[in-house]
Amino acid sequence: MSDFVVTAHQPNLFLGASIVTKIQAADAVIWLDEVQFTKNGWTNRNKLPDGRWLTVPVERHCAFQPINRVRIGEPEKGWREPFVRALVDAWPGEVTAAICREILRPYKLLVGLNVAILRILLAQLAPTVLWAFQSHLAGGHSVPAVSSDREALKPISERLAAMVEELGGTVYLSGPSGRNYLDEEPFVQRGLTVTYWHHEGPNPCALALIDQRTRAVA
């Protein structure tokens, strides 16, 4: 019987290549939609090719709320049309057009928009990978996304192991930062193996990967 590899990540905006390649190496991905939202991260922003940030505004006082409770902000000048123009200028094409249609929908929650975009991106880049959501699994529940206390991070390992087991996984594929916080004991107790992904090379966002592939075929 072959291994069933499960990985996990926050439902970030556009994802970076390092996360895409990790998902491509797995059979299933758990979207950690109940971990805490942190500003200055990648959940509501990513970079354009020229290095400028492209950001989905969020309401004030949303820091450390569960990601699936963070509401999109709507500044008076509006953000959706300029956002769409910037995407089209950077990565023109059918996939970008599909994403722009989602951005122009009046989503209220950040996770609703992000998941819609992720479905479009991963339909191109990882179409066979099974999806699950932390909020849909008994082993999920809200866990801290950041902490300087290793003891405080132990529940994360326990809940990750429980979710992998719940999906029928045999291997948990962690990102490289997992070496700094992950306690492997809950996995070992369940007969699960832990491995760590290592991405080599540039780390552009997923839209850039699709654009590069499209240009290569043309």
C-alpha atoms as a PDB file:
ATOM      1  CA  MET A   1       0.000   0.000   0.000  1.00  0.00           C
ATOM      2  CA  SER A   2       1.480   3.343  -1.026  1.00  0.00           C
ATOM      3  CA  ASP A   3       1.809   6.338   1.262  1.00  0.00           C
ATOM      4  CA  PHE A   4      -0.857   9.026   1.366  1.00  0.00           C
ATOM      5  CA  VAL A   5       0.922  12.354   1.813  1.00  0.00           C
ATOM      6  CA  VAL A   6      -0.889  15.241   3.505  1.00  0.00           C
ATOM      7  CA  THR A   7       0.386  18.791   3.774  1.00  0.00           C
ATOM      8  CA  ALA A   8      -1.148  21.951   5.249  1.00  0.00           C
ATOM      9  CA  HIS A   9      -0.964  25.687   4.790  1.00  0.00           C
ATOM     10  CA  GLN A  10      -2.873  28.897   5.368  1.00  0.00           C
ATOM     11  CA  PRO A  11      -5.150  29.875   2.452  1.00  0.00           C
ATOM     12  CA  ASN A  12      -2.852  32.672   1.344  1.00  0.00           C
ATOM     13  CA  LEU A  13      -3.448  35.084  -1.515  1.00  0.00           C
ATOM     14  CA  PHE A  14      -1.950  33.638  -4.751  1.00  0.00           C
ATOM     15  CA  LEU A  15       0.537  31.354  -2.881  1.00  0.00           C
ATOM     16  CA  GLY A  16       4.254  31.334  -3.541  1.00  0.00           C
ATOM     17  CA  ALA A  17       6.069  28.755  -5.678  1.00  0.00           C
ATOM     18  CA  SER A  18       7.542  27.147  -2.552  1.00  0.00           C
ATOM     19  CA  ILE A  19       4.021  26.366  -1.305  1.00  0.00           C
ATOM     20  CA  VAL A  20       2.775  25.292  -4.727  1.00  0.00           C
ATOM     21  CA  THR A  21       5.592  22.782  -5.126  1.00  0.00           C
ATOM     22  CA  LYS A  22       4.912  21.446  -1.619  1.00  0.00           C
ATOM     23  CA  ILE A  23       1.243  20.929  -2.494  1.00  0.00           C
ATOM     24  CA  GLN A  24       2.218  19.282  -5.787  1.00  0.00           C
ATOM     25  CA  ALA A  25       4.294  16.783  -3.795  1.00  0.00           C
ATOM     26  CA  ALA A  26       1.265  15.822  -1.667  1.00  0.00           C
ATOM     27  CA  ASP A  27      -1.935  13.859  -2.170  1.00  0.00           C
ATOM     28  CA  ALA A  28      -4.027  16.182   0.001  1.00  0.00           C
ATOM     29  CA  VAL A  29      -3.785  19.693   1.426  1.00  0.00           C
ATOM     30  CA  ILE A  30      -5.444  20.961   4.588  1.00  0.00           C
ATOM     31  CA  TRP A  31      -6.250  24.653   4.433  1.00  0.00           C
ATOM     32  CA  LEU A  32      -5.615  26.078   7.894  1.00  0.00           C
ATOM     33  CA  ASP A  33      -8.483  28.521   7.860  1.00  0.00           C
ATOM     34  CA  GLU A  34      -8.787  28.788  11.643  1.00  0.00           C
ATOM     35  CA  VAL A  35      -5.239  29.795  12.502  1.00  0.00           C
ATOM     36  CA  GLN A  36      -4.754  33.392  13.492  1.00  0.00           C
ATOM     37  CA  PHE A  37      -4.550  36.065  10.827  1.00  0.00           C
ATOM     38  CA  THR A  38      -1.400  38.144  11.128  1.00  0.00           C
ATOM     39  CA  LYS A  39      -0.812  41.432   9.352  1.00  0.00           C
ATOM     40  CA  ASN A  40       2.338  41.852   7.277  1.00  0.00           C
ATOM     41  CA  GLY A  41       2.055  38.238   6.196  1.00  0.00           C
ATOM     42  CA  TRP A  42       0.929  36.676   2.917  1.00  0.00           C
ATOM     43  CA  THR A  43      -2.716  35.926   3.671  1.00  0.00           C
ATOM     44  CA  ASN A  44      -4.051  39.108   2.083  1.00  0.00           C
ATOM     45  CA  ARG A  45      -1.165  40.274  -0.103  1.00  0.00           C
ATOM     46  CA  ASN A  46       1.537  39.256  -2.546  1.00  0.00           C
ATOM     47  CA  LYS A  47       4.091  40.959  -4.744  1.00  0.00           C
ATOM     48  CA  LEU A  48       3.927  42.104  -8.338  1.00  0.00           C
ATOM     49  CA  PRO A  49       6.900  41.367 -10.624  1.00  0.00           C
ATOM     50  CA  ASP A  50       8.302  44.849  -9.964  1.00  0.00           C
ATOM     51  CA  GLY A  51       8.318  44.233  -6.209  1.00  0.00           C
ATOM     52  CA  ARG A  52       5.268  46.342  -5.338  1.00  0.00           C
ATOM     53  CA  TRP A  53       2.790  44.890  -2.888  1.00  0.00           C
ATOM     54  CA  LEU A  54      -0.689  44.025  -4.079  1.00  0.00           C
ATOM     55  CA  THR A  55      -2.957  43.975  -1.028  1.00  0.00           C
ATOM     56  CA  VAL A  56      -6.562  43.059  -0.306  1.00  0.00           C
ATOM     57  CA  PRO A  57      -7.617  45.542   2.413  1.00  0.00           C
ATOM     58  CA  VAL A  58      -9.050  44.099   5.606  1.00  0.00           C
ATOM     59  CA  GLU A  59     -11.091  45.688   8.350  1.00  0.00           C
ATOM     60  CA  ARG A  60      -9.301  47.201  11.320  1.00  0.00           C
ATOM     61  CA  HIS A  61      -8.744  45.185  14.486  1.00  0.00           C
ATOM     62  CA  CYS A  62      -8.711  41.865  12.632  1.00  0.00           C
ATOM     63  CA  ALA A  63      -5.210  40.832  13.716  1.00  0.00           C
ATOM     64  CA  PHE A  64      -5.163  37.452  15.482  1.00  0.00           C
ATOM     65  CA  GLN A  65      -8.733  36.616  14.536  1.00  0.00           C
ATOM     66  CA  PRO A  66      -9.188  33.235  12.819  1.00  0.00           C
ATOM     67  CA  ILE A  67      -8.504  33.668   9.111  1.00  0.00           C
ATOM     68  CA  ASN A  68     -12.023  32.558   8.237  1.00  0.00           C
ATOM     69  CA  ARG A  69     -13.497  35.458  10.259  1.00  0.00           C
ATOM     70  CA  VAL A  70     -11.417  38.259   8.720  1.00  0.00           C
ATOM     71  CA  ARG A  71     -13.587  40.674   6.757  1.00  0.00           C
ATOM     72  CA  ILE A  72     -12.489  42.499   3.626  1.00  0.00           C
ATOM     73  CA  GLY A  73     -12.261  46.267   4.051  1.00  0.00           C
ATOM     74  CA  GLU A  74     -13.837  48.615   1.537  1.00  0.00           C
ATOM     75  CA  PRO A  75     -12.025  51.994   1.498  1.00  0.00           C
ATOM     76  CA  GLU A  76     -13.944  54.920   0.033  1.00  0.00           C
ATOM     77  CA  LYS A  77     -11.882  55.041  -3.159  1.00  0.00           C
ATOM     78  CA  GLY A  78     -12.403  51.349  -3.777  1.00  0.00           C
ATOM     79  CA  TRP A  79      -9.676  48.765  -4.315  1.00  0.00           C
ATOM     80  CA  ARG A  80     -11.053  46.076  -6.601  1.00  0.00           C
ATOM     81  CA  GLU A  81     -10.726  47.851  -9.962  1.00  0.00           C
ATOM     82  CA  PRO A  82      -7.123  49.041  -9.387  1.00  0.00           C
ATOM     83  CA  PHE A  83      -6.251  45.573  -8.094  1.00  0.00           C
ATOM     84  CA  VAL A  84      -7.652  43.961 -11.235  1.00  0.00           C
ATOM     85  CA  ARG A  85      -5.818  46.391 -13.519  1.00  0.00           C
ATOM     86  CA  ALA A  86      -2.527  45.654 -11.782  1.00  0.00           C
ATOM     87  CA  LEU A  87      -3.048  41.888 -12.202  1.00  0.00           C
ATOM     88  CA  VAL A  88      -3.905  42.182 -15.883  1.00  0.00           C
ATOM     89  CA  ASP A  89      -0.888  44.400 -16.522  1.00  0.00           C
ATOM     90  CA  ALA A  90       1.424  41.941 -14.741  1.00  0.00           C
ATOM     91  CA  TRP A  91       0.049  38.591 -15.924  1.00  0.00           C
ATOM     92  CA  PRO A  92      -2.438  38.899 -18.803  1.00  0.00           C
ATOM     93  CA  GLY A  93      -4.251  35.742 -19.796  1.00  0.00           C
ATOM     94  CA  GLU A  94      -7.303  33.552 -19.243  1.00  0.00           C
ATOM     95  CA  VAL A  95      -6.382  32.480 -15.707  1.00  0.00           C
ATOM     96  CA  THR A  96      -5.879  36.070 -14.633  1.00  0.00           C
ATOM     97  CA  ALA A  97      -9.194  36.997 -16.232  1.00  0.00           C
ATOM     98  CA  ALA A  98     -10.951  34.276 -14.237  1.00  0.00           C
ATOM     99  CA  ILE A  99      -9.327  35.489 -11.027  1.00  0.00           C
ATOM    100  CA  CYS A 100     -10.298  39.077 -11.791  1.00  0.00           C
ATOM    101  CA  ARG A 101     -13.931  38.028 -12.086  1.00  0.00           C
ATOM    102  CA  GLU A 102     -13.729  36.629  -8.557  1.00  0.00           C
ATOM    103  CA  ILE A 103     -12.060  39.770  -7.223  1.00  0.00           C
ATOM    104  CA  LEU A 104     -14.876  41.874  -8.631  1.00  0.00           C
ATOM    105  CA  ARG A 105     -17.497  39.792  -6.821  1.00  0.00           C
ATOM    106  CA  PRO A 106     -18.566  41.435  -3.527  1.00  0.00           C
ATOM    107  CA  TYR A 107     -17.018  38.862  -1.209  1.00  0.00           C
ATOM    108  CA  LYS A 108     -17.227  39.971   2.419  1.00  0.00           C
ATOM    109  CA  LEU A 109     -14.805  37.484   3.973  1.00  0.00           C
ATOM    110  CA  LEU A 110     -11.148  37.277   2.940  1.00  0.00           C
ATOM    111  CA  VAL A 111     -11.228  33.479   3.025  1.00  0.00           C
ATOM    112  CA  GLY A 112     -14.095  33.410   0.515  1.00  0.00           C
ATOM    113  CA  LEU A 113     -12.081  35.394  -2.007  1.00  0.00           C
ATOM    114  CA  ASN A 114      -8.828  33.543  -1.314  1.00  0.00           C
ATOM    115  CA  VAL A 115     -10.391  30.100  -1.683  1.00  0.00           C
ATOM    116  CA  ALA A 116     -12.070  31.096  -4.960  1.00  0.00           C
ATOM    117  CA  ILE A 117      -8.689  32.245  -6.284  1.00  0.00           C
ATOM    118  CA  LEU A 118      -6.908  29.136  -4.994  1.00  0.00           C
ATOM    119  CA  ARG A 119      -9.381  26.878  -6.815  1.00  0.00           C
ATOM    120  CA  ILE A 120      -8.553  28.604 -10.097  1.00  0.00           C
ATOM    121  CA  LEU A 121      -4.794  28.518  -9.533  1.00  0.00           C
ATOM    122  CA  LEU A 122      -4.546  24.927  -8.335  1.00  0.00           C
ATOM    123  CA  ALA A 123      -6.867  23.660 -11.042  1.00  0.00           C
ATOM    124  CA  GLN A 124      -3.918  24.588 -13.262  1.00  0.00           C
ATOM    125  CA  LEU A 125      -1.017  23.655 -10.997  1.00  0.00           C
ATOM    126  CA  ALA A 126      -2.205  20.773  -8.780  1.00  0.00           C
ATOM    127  CA  PRO A 127      -5.528  19.515 -10.148  1.00  0.00           C
ATOM    128  CA  THR A 128      -5.510  16.070  -8.515  1.00  0.00           C
ATOM    129  CA  VAL A 129      -4.723  17.126  -4.945  1.00  0.00           C
ATOM    130  CA  LEU A 130      -7.549  16.543  -2.460  1.00  0.00           C
ATOM    131  CA  TRP A 131      -8.706  19.573  -0.448  1.00  0.00           C
ATOM    132  CA  ALA A 132      -9.792  19.684   3.189  1.00  0.00           C
ATOM    133  CA  PHE A 133     -10.329  22.558   5.609  1.00  0.00           C
ATOM    134  CA  GLN A 134      -9.239  22.789   9.213  1.00  0.00           C
ATOM    135  CA  SER A 135     -12.701  24.100  10.143  1.00  0.00           C
ATOM    136  CA  HIS A 136     -14.275  20.955   8.643  1.00  0.00           C
ATOM    137  CA  LEU A 137     -12.139  18.463  10.581  1.00  0.00           C
ATOM    138  CA  ALA A 138     -12.641  17.345  14.173  1.00  0.00           C
ATOM    139  CA  GLY A 139      -8.924  17.605  14.807  1.00  0.00           C
ATOM    140  CA  GLY A 140      -8.836  21.248  13.707  1.00  0.00           C
ATOM    141  CA  HIS A 141     -10.097  23.929  16.061  1.00  0.00           C
ATOM    142  CA  SER A 142      -8.450  27.313  16.367  1.00  0.00           C
ATOM    143  CA  VAL A 143      -4.719  27.190  17.104  1.00  0.00           C
ATOM    144  CA  PRO A 144      -2.141  29.993  17.389  1.00  0.00           C
ATOM    145  CA  ALA A 145      -0.290  30.848  14.198  1.00  0.00           C
ATOM    146  CA  VAL A 146       2.693  32.417  15.931  1.00  0.00           C
ATOM    147  CA  SER A 147       4.384  32.022  19.297  1.00  0.00           C
ATOM    148  CA  SER A 148       7.856  32.331  20.734  1.00  0.00           C
ATOM    149  CA  ASP A 149       7.100  29.651  23.330  1.00  0.00           C
ATOM    150  CA  ARG A 150       7.745  26.089  22.059  1.00  0.00           C
ATOM    151  CA  GLU A 151       5.450  24.683  24.748  1.00  0.00           C
ATOM    152  CA  ALA A 152       2.612  26.881  23.527  1.00  0.00           C
ATOM    153  CA  LEU A 153       3.078  25.422  20.047  1.00  0.00           C
ATOM    154  CA  LYS A 154       2.634  21.777  21.099  1.00  0.00           C
ATOM    155  CA  PRO A 155      -1.148  21.844  20.495  1.00  0.00           C
ATOM    156  CA  ILE A 156      -0.458  22.691  16.854  1.00  0.00           C
ATOM    157  CA  SER A 157       1.441  19.426  16.381  1.00  0.00           C
ATOM    158  CA  GLU A 158      -1.274  17.446  18.148  1.00  0.00           C
ATOM    159  CA  ARG A 159      -4.014  18.928  15.995  1.00  0.00           C
ATOM    160  CA  LEU A 160      -2.062  18.614  12.763  1.00  0.00           C
ATOM    161  CA  ALA A 161      -1.429  14.944  13.518  1.00  0.00           C
ATOM    162  CA  ALA A 162      -5.108  14.418  14.306  1.00  0.00           C
ATOM    163  CA  MET A 163      -6.176  16.033  11.039  1.00  0.00           C
ATOM    164  CA  VAL A 164      -3.690  13.991   8.974  1.00  0.00           C
ATOM    165  CA  GLU A 165      -4.982  10.829  10.626  1.00  0.00           C
ATOM    166  CA  GLU A 166      -8.576  11.900   9.986  1.00  0.00           C
ATOM    167  CA  LEU A 167      -7.853  12.168   6.244  1.00  0.00           C
ATOM    168  CA  GLY A 168      -6.257   8.730   6.206  1.00  0.00           C
ATOM    169  CA  GLY A 169      -2.782  10.138   5.718  1.00  0.00           C
ATOM    170  CA  THR A 170       0.376   8.150   6.385  1.00  0.00           C
ATOM    171  CA  VAL A 171       2.888  10.986   5.855  1.00  0.00           C
ATOM    172  CA  TYR A 172       2.752  14.628   6.932  1.00  0.00           C
ATOM    173  CA  LEU A 173       4.731  16.913   4.617  1.00  0.00           C
ATOM    174  CA  SER A 174       5.740  19.984   6.568  1.00  0.00           C
ATOM    175  CA  GLY A 175       7.297  23.150   5.268  1.00  0.00           C
ATOM    176  CA  PRO A 176      10.925  23.778   6.260  1.00  0.00           C
ATOM    177  CA  SER A 177       9.901  26.090   9.129  1.00  0.00           C
ATOM    178  CA  GLY A 178       8.256  23.087  10.778  1.00  0.00           C
ATOM    179  CA  ARG A 179      11.696  22.065  12.009  1.00  0.00           C
ATOM    180  CA  ASN A 180      11.538  25.074  14.359  1.00  0.00           C
ATOM    181  CA  TYR A 181       8.228  24.255  16.050  1.00  0.00           C
ATOM    182  CA  LEU A 182       6.873  20.842  15.109  1.00  0.00           C
ATOM    183  CA  ASP A 183       6.733  18.144  17.793  1.00  0.00           C
ATOM    184  CA  GLU A 184       6.874  14.829  15.926  1.00  0.00           C
ATOM    185  CA  GLU A 185       5.708  12.723  18.888  1.00  0.00           C
ATOM    186  CA  PRO A 186       1.938  13.070  18.190  1.00  0.00           C
ATOM    187  CA  PHE A 187       2.602  11.836  14.655  1.00  0.00           C
ATOM    188  CA  VAL A 188       4.738   8.920  15.811  1.00  0.00           C
ATOM    189  CA  GLN A 189       2.010   7.886  18.262  1.00  0.00           C
ATOM    190  CA  ARG A 190      -0.413   7.621  15.341  1.00  0.00           C
ATOM    191  CA  GLY A 191       2.013   5.723  13.132  1.00  0.00           C
ATOM    192  CA  LEU A 192       2.574   8.729  10.878  1.00  0.00           C
ATOM    193  CA  THR A 193       5.845   9.809   9.275  1.00  0.00           C
ATOM    194  CA  VAL A 194       6.925  13.455   9.178  1.00  0.00           C
ATOM    195  CA  THR A 195       8.986  14.778   6.270  1.00  0.00           C
ATOM    196  CA  TYR A 196      10.092  18.322   5.467  1.00  0.00           C
ATOM    197  CA  TRP A 197       9.780  19.999   2.086  1.00  0.00           C
ATOM    198  CA  HIS A 198      12.668  21.937   0.635  1.00  0.00           C
ATOM    199  CA  HIS A 199      12.067  24.322  -2.254  1.00  0.00           C
ATOM    200  CA  GLU A 200      14.945  25.267  -4.515  1.00  0.00           C
ATOM    201  CA  GLY A 201      15.122  28.203  -6.872  1.00  0.00           C
ATOM    202  CA  PRO A 202      13.079  31.414  -7.191  1.00  0.00           C
ATOM    203  CA  ASN A 203       9.840  31.839  -5.284  1.00  0.00           C
ATOM    204  CA  PRO A 204       7.425  33.842  -7.471  1.00  0.00           C
ATOM    205  CA  CYS A 205       3.682  33.682  -6.879  1.00  0.00           C
ATOM    206  CA  ALA A 206       1.467  31.064  -8.501  1.00  0.00           C
ATOM    207  CA  LEU A 207       0.200  33.464 -11.169  1.00  0.00           C
ATOM    208  CA  ALA A 208       3.774  34.002 -12.301  1.00  0.00           C
ATOM    209  CA  LEU A 209       4.254  30.217 -12.577  1.00  0.00           C
ATOM    210  CA  ILE A 210       1.183  29.926 -14.789  1.00  0.00           C
ATOM    211  CA  ASP A 211       2.321  32.886 -16.893  1.00  0.00           C
ATOM    212  CA  GLN A 212       5.771  31.309 -17.359  1.00  0.00           C
ATOM    213  CA  ARG A 213       4.209  28.008 -18.408  1.00  0.00           C
ATOM    214  CA  THR A 214       1.854  29.724 -20.850  1.00  0.00           C
ATOM    215  CA  ARG A 215       4.718  31.647 -22.463  1.00  0.00           C
ATOM    216  CA  ALA A 216       6.786  28.467 -22.745  1.00  0.00           C
ATOM    217  CA  VAL A 217       4.000  26.682 -24.629  1.00  0.00           C
ATOM    218  CA  ALA A 218       3.197  29.618 -26.919  1.00  0.00           C
END
